[in-house]
Amino acid sequence: MSRQTSEVVKKLTLARKVLGLSQERVAFDTGISQTHLSNIENGKKDPRLSTVMKLVEEYELEWNICARP
């Protein structure tokens, strides 16, 4: 997993925990399997952009893309 992907996953995992959501609840609400979500959070699988966007929406986060200088 790249450093950038790892940072995104860390932020998404933190958001889930701060919101008090279990992996099981997120899996149910998003259609992402709990096993797959666990593998993403533990760095065993790289998430697809569509998966990241489902999680961003589920956690009601804002997604910003900024150009590097």
PDB file of N, CA and C in Angstrom:
ATOM      1  N   MET A   1       0.862  -1.177   0.000  1.00  0.00           N
ATOM      2  CA  MET A   1       0.000   0.000   0.000  1.00  0.00           C
ATOM      3  C   MET A   1       0.904   1.234   0.000  1.00  0.00           C
ATOM      4  N   SER A   2       0.627   2.168  -0.882  1.00  0.00           N
ATOM      5  CA  SER A   2       1.433   3.389  -0.960  1.00  0.00           C
ATOM      6  C   SER A   2       1.224   4.252   0.286  1.00  0.00           C
ATOM      7  N   ARG A   3       2.146   5.154   0.510  1.00  0.00           N
ATOM      8  CA  ARG A   3       2.050   6.063   1.660  1.00  0.00           C
ATOM      9  C   ARG A   3       0.775   6.900   1.582  1.00  0.00           C
ATOM     10  N   GLN A   4       0.443   7.375   0.389  1.00  0.00           N
ATOM     11  CA  GLN A   4      -0.755   8.203   0.223  1.00  0.00           C
ATOM     12  C   GLN A   4      -2.019   7.403   0.521  1.00  0.00           C
ATOM     13  N   THR A   5      -2.076   6.178   0.010  1.00  0.00           N
ATOM     14  CA  THR A   5      -3.237   5.321   0.271  1.00  0.00           C
ATOM     15  C   THR A   5      -3.337   5.006   1.746  1.00  0.00           C
ATOM     16  N   SER A   6      -2.199   4.730   2.362  1.00  0.00           N
ATOM     17  CA  SER A   6      -2.173   4.433   3.794  1.00  0.00           C
ATOM     18  C   SER A   6      -2.718   5.603   4.611  1.00  0.00           C
ATOM     19  N   GLU A   7      -2.376   6.815   4.238  1.00  0.00           N
ATOM     20  CA  GLU A   7      -2.866   8.004   4.952  1.00  0.00           C
ATOM     21  C   GLU A   7      -4.381   8.148   4.810  1.00  0.00           C
ATOM     22  N   VAL A   8      -4.893   7.897   3.612  1.00  0.00           N
ATOM     23  CA  VAL A   8      -6.342   7.968   3.396  1.00  0.00           C
ATOM     24  C   VAL A   8      -7.043   6.917   4.242  1.00  0.00           C
ATOM     25  N   VAL A   9      -6.518   5.702   4.243  1.00  0.00           N
ATOM     26  CA  VAL A   9      -7.125   4.617   5.018  1.00  0.00           C
ATOM     27  C   VAL A   9      -7.096   4.942   6.511  1.00  0.00           C
ATOM     28  N   LYS A  10      -5.992   5.487   6.999  1.00  0.00           N
ATOM     29  CA  LYS A  10      -5.905   5.867   8.421  1.00  0.00           C
ATOM     30  C   LYS A  10      -6.976   6.890   8.772  1.00  0.00           C
ATOM     31  N   LYS A  11      -7.170   7.874   7.903  1.00  0.00           N
ATOM     32  CA  LYS A  11      -8.176   8.911   8.157  1.00  0.00           C
ATOM     33  C   LYS A  11      -9.587   8.331   8.126  1.00  0.00           C
ATOM     34  N   LEU A  12      -9.845   7.428   7.194  1.00  0.00           N
ATOM     35  CA  LEU A  12     -11.167   6.808   7.130  1.00  0.00           C
ATOM     36  C   LEU A  12     -11.423   5.920   8.348  1.00  0.00           C
ATOM     37  N   THR A  13     -10.404   5.192   8.785  1.00  0.00           N
ATOM     38  CA  THR A  13     -10.552   4.333   9.963  1.00  0.00           C
ATOM     39  C   THR A  13     -10.800   5.184  11.201  1.00  0.00           C
ATOM     40  N   LEU A  14     -10.062   6.272  11.341  1.00  0.00           N
ATOM     41  CA  LEU A  14     -10.265   7.180  12.465  1.00  0.00           C
ATOM     42  C   LEU A  14     -11.678   7.754  12.442  1.00  0.00           C
ATOM     43  N   ALA A  15     -12.147   8.161  11.279  1.00  0.00           N
ATOM     44  CA  ALA A  15     -13.498   8.721  11.158  1.00  0.00           C
ATOM     45  C   ALA A  15     -14.544   7.704  11.608  1.00  0.00           C
ATOM     46  N   ARG A  16     -14.390   6.457  11.183  1.00  0.00           N
ATOM     47  CA  ARG A  16     -15.341   5.419  11.587  1.00  0.00           C
ATOM     48  C   ARG A  16     -15.370   5.269  13.109  1.00  0.00           C
ATOM     49  N   LYS A  17     -14.195   5.241  13.704  1.00  0.00           N
ATOM     50  CA  LYS A  17     -14.106   5.058  15.154  1.00  0.00           C
ATOM     51  C   LYS A  17     -14.659   6.265  15.910  1.00  0.00           C
ATOM     52  N   VAL A  18     -14.350   7.472  15.452  1.00  0.00           N
ATOM     53  CA  VAL A  18     -14.861   8.687  16.088  1.00  0.00           C
ATOM     54  C   VAL A  18     -16.387   8.730  16.024  1.00  0.00           C
ATOM     55  N   LEU A  19     -16.933   8.261  14.921  1.00  0.00           N
ATOM     56  CA  LEU A  19     -18.390   8.224  14.761  1.00  0.00           C
ATOM     57  C   LEU A  19     -19.035   7.083  15.549  1.00  0.00           C
ATOM     58  N   GLY A  20     -18.216   6.212  16.111  1.00  0.00           N
ATOM     59  CA  GLY A  20     -18.742   5.100  16.907  1.00  0.00           C
ATOM     60  C   GLY A  20     -19.383   4.011  16.068  1.00  0.00           C
ATOM     61  N   LEU A  21     -18.930   3.877  14.834  1.00  0.00           N
ATOM     62  CA  LEU A  21     -19.508   2.881  13.934  1.00  0.00           C
ATOM     63  C   LEU A  21     -18.655   1.619  13.930  1.00  0.00           C
ATOM     64  N   SER A  22     -19.292   0.483  13.970  1.00  0.00           N
ATOM     65  CA  SER A  22     -18.577  -0.786  13.854  1.00  0.00           C
ATOM     66  C   SER A  22     -18.348  -1.098  12.376  1.00  0.00           C
ATOM     67  N   GLN A  23     -17.379  -1.951  12.116  1.00  0.00           N
ATOM     68  CA  GLN A  23     -17.175  -2.403  10.746  1.00  0.00           C
ATOM     69  C   GLN A  23     -18.422  -3.099  10.229  1.00  0.00           C
ATOM     70  N   GLU A  24     -19.085  -3.841  11.082  1.00  0.00           N
ATOM     71  CA  GLU A  24     -20.296  -4.557  10.681  1.00  0.00           C
ATOM     72  C   GLU A  24     -21.386  -3.582  10.233  1.00  0.00           C
ATOM     73  N   ARG A  25     -21.546  -2.488  10.977  1.00  0.00           N
ATOM     74  CA  ARG A  25     -22.580  -1.498  10.637  1.00  0.00           C
ATOM     75  C   ARG A  25     -22.256  -0.820   9.304  1.00  0.00           C
ATOM     76  N   VAL A  26     -20.996  -0.441   9.144  1.00  0.00           N
ATOM     77  CA  VAL A  26     -20.578   0.201   7.902  1.00  0.00           C
ATOM     78  C   VAL A  26     -20.767  -0.759   6.727  1.00  0.00           C
ATOM     79  N   ALA A  27     -20.409  -2.008   6.931  1.00  0.00           N
ATOM     80  CA  ALA A  27     -20.576  -3.018   5.878  1.00  0.00           C
ATOM     81  C   ALA A  27     -22.042  -3.126   5.483  1.00  0.00           C
ATOM     82  N   PHE A  28     -22.923  -3.179   6.462  1.00  0.00           N
ATOM     83  CA  PHE A  28     -24.353  -3.289   6.191  1.00  0.00           C
ATOM     84  C   PHE A  28     -24.856  -2.076   5.417  1.00  0.00           C
ATOM     85  N   ASP A  29     -24.449  -0.877   5.863  1.00  0.00           N
ATOM     86  CA  ASP A  29     -24.951   0.358   5.258  1.00  0.00           C
ATOM     87  C   ASP A  29     -24.382   0.636   3.867  1.00  0.00           C
ATOM     88  N   THR A  30     -23.168   0.161   3.590  1.00  0.00           N
ATOM     89  CA  THR A  30     -22.513   0.492   2.316  1.00  0.00           C
ATOM     90  C   THR A  30     -22.505  -0.641   1.302  1.00  0.00           C
ATOM     91  N   GLY A  31     -22.732  -1.867   1.759  1.00  0.00           N
ATOM     92  CA  GLY A  31     -22.643  -3.005   0.863  1.00  0.00           C
ATOM     93  C   GLY A  31     -21.220  -3.515   0.679  1.00  0.00           C
ATOM     94  N   ILE A  32     -20.283  -2.952   1.431  1.00  0.00           N
ATOM     95  CA  ILE A  32     -18.899  -3.433   1.432  1.00  0.00           C
ATOM     96  C   ILE A  32     -18.838  -4.541   2.480  1.00  0.00           C
ATOM     97  N   SER A  33     -18.262  -5.680   2.150  1.00  0.00           N
ATOM     98  CA  SER A  33     -18.228  -6.752   3.147  1.00  0.00           C
ATOM     99  C   SER A  33     -17.349  -6.353   4.325  1.00  0.00           C
ATOM    100  N   GLN A  34     -17.696  -6.858   5.503  1.00  0.00           N
ATOM    101  CA  GLN A  34     -16.922  -6.554   6.708  1.00  0.00           C
ATOM    102  C   GLN A  34     -15.504  -7.065   6.563  1.00  0.00           C
ATOM    103  N   THR A  35     -15.341  -8.212   5.950  1.00  0.00           N
ATOM    104  CA  THR A  35     -14.010  -8.777   5.745  1.00  0.00           C
ATOM    105  C   THR A  35     -13.171  -7.866   4.859  1.00  0.00           C
ATOM    106  N   HIS A  36     -13.772  -7.374   3.788  1.00  0.00           N
ATOM    107  CA  HIS A  36     -13.050  -6.480   2.876  1.00  0.00           C
ATOM    108  C   HIS A  36     -12.685  -5.182   3.591  1.00  0.00           C
ATOM    109  N   LEU A  37     -13.607  -4.620   4.352  1.00  0.00           N
ATOM    110  CA  LEU A  37     -13.341  -3.392   5.101  1.00  0.00           C
ATOM    111  C   LEU A  37     -12.202  -3.617   6.096  1.00  0.00           C
ATOM    112  N   SER A  38     -12.218  -4.740   6.781  1.00  0.00           N
ATOM    113  CA  SER A  38     -11.149  -5.078   7.726  1.00  0.00           C
ATOM    114  C   SER A  38      -9.807  -5.187   7.003  1.00  0.00           C
ATOM    115  N   ASN A  39      -9.805  -5.847   5.856  1.00  0.00           N
ATOM    116  CA  ASN A  39      -8.565  -5.983   5.085  1.00  0.00           C
ATOM    117  C   ASN A  39      -8.023  -4.632   4.635  1.00  0.00           C
ATOM    118  N   ILE A  40      -8.913  -3.728   4.265  1.00  0.00           N
ATOM    119  CA  ILE A  40      -8.495  -2.372   3.884  1.00  0.00           C
ATOM    120  C   ILE A  40      -7.902  -1.662   5.095  1.00  0.00           C
ATOM    121  N   GLU A  41      -8.621  -1.680   6.212  1.00  0.00           N
ATOM    122  CA  GLU A  41      -8.163  -0.967   7.407  1.00  0.00           C
ATOM    123  C   GLU A  41      -6.860  -1.543   7.957  1.00  0.00           C
ATOM    124  N   ASN A  42      -6.608  -2.818   7.730  1.00  0.00           N
ATOM    125  CA  ASN A  42      -5.381  -3.453   8.222  1.00  0.00           C
ATOM    126  C   ASN A  42      -4.252  -3.457   7.192  1.00  0.00           C
ATOM    127  N   GLY A  43      -4.462  -2.770   6.061  1.00  0.00           N
ATOM    128  CA  GLY A  43      -3.422  -2.631   5.060  1.00  0.00           C
ATOM    129  C   GLY A  43      -3.191  -3.855   4.203  1.00  0.00           C
ATOM    130  N   LYS A  44      -4.114  -4.800   4.234  1.00  0.00           N
ATOM    131  CA  LYS A  44      -3.962  -6.016   3.441  1.00  0.00           C
ATOM    132  C   LYS A  44      -4.486  -5.864   2.020  1.00  0.00           C
ATOM    133  N   LYS A  45      -5.377  -4.897   1.822  1.00  0.00           N
ATOM    134  CA  LYS A  45      -5.958  -4.639   0.498  1.00  0.00           C
ATOM    135  C   LYS A  45      -5.962  -3.139   0.242  1.00  0.00           C
ATOM    136  N   ASP A  46      -5.702  -2.772  -0.996  1.00  0.00           N
ATOM    137  CA  ASP A  46      -5.840  -1.380  -1.410  1.00  0.00           C
ATOM    138  C   ASP A  46      -7.296  -1.141  -1.795  1.00  0.00           C
ATOM    139  N   PRO A  47      -7.894  -0.059  -1.294  1.00  0.00           N
ATOM    140  CA  PRO A  47      -9.281   0.214  -1.669  1.00  0.00           C
ATOM    141  C   PRO A  47      -9.375   0.822  -3.062  1.00  0.00           C
ATOM    142  N   ARG A  48     -10.441   0.492  -3.762  1.00  0.00           N
ATOM    143  CA  ARG A  48     -10.743   1.166  -5.028  1.00  0.00           C
ATOM    144  C   ARG A  48     -11.272   2.553  -4.700  1.00  0.00           C
ATOM    145  N   LEU A  49     -11.185   3.444  -5.658  1.00  0.00           N
ATOM    146  CA  LEU A  49     -11.712   4.790  -5.466  1.00  0.00           C
ATOM    147  C   LEU A  49     -13.199   4.742  -5.147  1.00  0.00           C
ATOM    148  N   SER A  50     -13.936   3.847  -5.791  1.00  0.00           N
ATOM    149  CA  SER A  50     -15.381   3.747  -5.529  1.00  0.00           C
ATOM    150  C   SER A  50     -15.652   3.339  -4.083  1.00  0.00           C
ATOM    151  N   THR A  51     -14.792   2.512  -3.514  1.00  0.00           N
ATOM    152  CA  THR A  51     -14.938   2.105  -2.116  1.00  0.00           C
ATOM    153  C   THR A  51     -14.642   3.280  -1.196  1.00  0.00           C
ATOM    154  N   VAL A  52     -13.568   3.996  -1.494  1.00  0.00           N
ATOM    155  CA  VAL A  52     -13.231   5.185  -0.702  1.00  0.00           C
ATOM    156  C   VAL A  52     -14.390   6.171  -0.723  1.00  0.00           C
ATOM    157  N   MET A  53     -14.968   6.383  -1.891  1.00  0.00           N
ATOM    158  CA  MET A  53     -16.069   7.348  -2.001  1.00  0.00           C
ATOM    159  C   MET A  53     -17.306   6.889  -1.228  1.00  0.00           C
ATOM    160  N   LYS A  54     -17.586   5.586  -1.206  1.00  0.00           N
ATOM    161  CA  LYS A  54     -18.701   5.072  -0.398  1.00  0.00           C
ATOM    162  C   LYS A  54     -18.467   5.377   1.075  1.00  0.00           C
ATOM    163  N   LEU A  55     -17.234   5.192   1.525  1.00  0.00           N
ATOM    164  CA  LEU A  55     -16.914   5.450   2.926  1.00  0.00           C
ATOM    165  C   LEU A  55     -16.961   6.938   3.251  1.00  0.00           C
ATOM    166  N   VAL A  56     -16.468   7.766   2.340  1.00  0.00           N
ATOM    167  CA  VAL A  56     -16.535   9.222   2.522  1.00  0.00           C
ATOM    168  C   VAL A  56     -17.994   9.648   2.682  1.00  0.00           C
ATOM    169  N   GLU A  57     -18.857   9.111   1.845  1.00  0.00           N
ATOM    170  CA  GLU A  57     -20.288   9.438   1.918  1.00  0.00           C
ATOM    171  C   GLU A  57     -20.902   8.908   3.217  1.00  0.00           C
ATOM    172  N   GLU A  58     -20.581   7.683   3.582  1.00  0.00           N
ATOM    173  CA  GLU A  58     -21.129   7.072   4.796  1.00  0.00           C
ATOM    174  C   GLU A  58     -20.754   7.868   6.038  1.00  0.00           C
ATOM    175  N   TYR A  59     -19.514   8.351   6.080  1.00  0.00           N
ATOM    176  CA  TYR A  59     -19.016   9.086   7.250  1.00  0.00           C
ATOM    177  C   TYR A  59     -19.309  10.573   7.159  1.00  0.00           C
ATOM    178  N   GLU A  60     -19.955  10.993   6.075  1.00  0.00           N
ATOM    179  CA  GLU A  60     -20.298  12.395   5.834  1.00  0.00           C
ATOM    180  C   GLU A  60     -19.062  13.289   5.897  1.00  0.00           C
ATOM    181  N   LEU A  61     -18.038  12.848   5.186  1.00  0.00           N
ATOM    182  CA  LEU A  61     -16.792  13.595   5.108  1.00  0.00           C
ATOM    183  C   LEU A  61     -16.761  14.433   3.846  1.00  0.00           C
ATOM    184  N   GLU A  62     -15.851  15.369   3.816  1.00  0.00           N
ATOM    185  CA  GLU A  62     -15.628  16.193   2.630  1.00  0.00           C
ATOM    186  C   GLU A  62     -14.386  15.670   1.920  1.00  0.00           C
ATOM    187  N   TRP A  63     -14.464  15.527   0.620  1.00  0.00           N
ATOM    188  CA  TRP A  63     -13.355  15.016  -0.177  1.00  0.00           C
ATOM    189  C   TRP A  63     -12.782  16.178  -0.972  1.00  0.00           C
ATOM    190  N   ASN A  64     -11.491  16.451  -0.777  1.00  0.00           N
ATOM    191  CA  ASN A  64     -10.820  17.521  -1.511  1.00  0.00           C
ATOM    192  C   ASN A  64      -9.622  16.948  -2.247  1.00  0.00           C
ATOM    193  N   ILE A  65      -9.449  17.394  -3.467  1.00  0.00           N
ATOM    194  CA  ILE A  65      -8.279  17.011  -4.240  1.00  0.00           C
ATOM    195  C   ILE A  65      -7.512  18.300  -4.533  1.00  0.00           C
ATOM    196  N   CYS A  66      -6.254  18.311  -4.128  1.00  0.00           N
ATOM    197  CA  CYS A  66      -5.427  19.489  -4.309  1.00  0.00           C
ATOM    198  C   CYS A  66      -4.213  19.142  -5.166  1.00  0.00           C
ATOM    199  N   ALA A  67      -3.882  20.039  -6.074  1.00  0.00           N
ATOM    200  CA  ALA A  67      -2.698  19.847  -6.901  1.00  0.00           C
ATOM    201  C   ALA A  67      -1.453  20.097  -6.063  1.00  0.00           C
ATOM    202  N   ARG A  68      -0.435  19.284  -6.318  1.00  0.00           N
ATOM    203  CA  ARG A  68       0.847  19.502  -5.649  1.00  0.00           C
ATOM    204  C   ARG A  68       1.627  20.580  -6.396  1.00  0.00           C
ATOM    205  N   PRO A  69       2.363  21.365  -5.653  1.00  0.00           N
ATOM    206  CA  PRO A  69       3.181  22.411  -6.325  1.00  0.00           C
ATOM    207  C   PRO A  69       4.317  21.809  -7.130  1.00  0.00           C
TER     208      PRO A  69
END
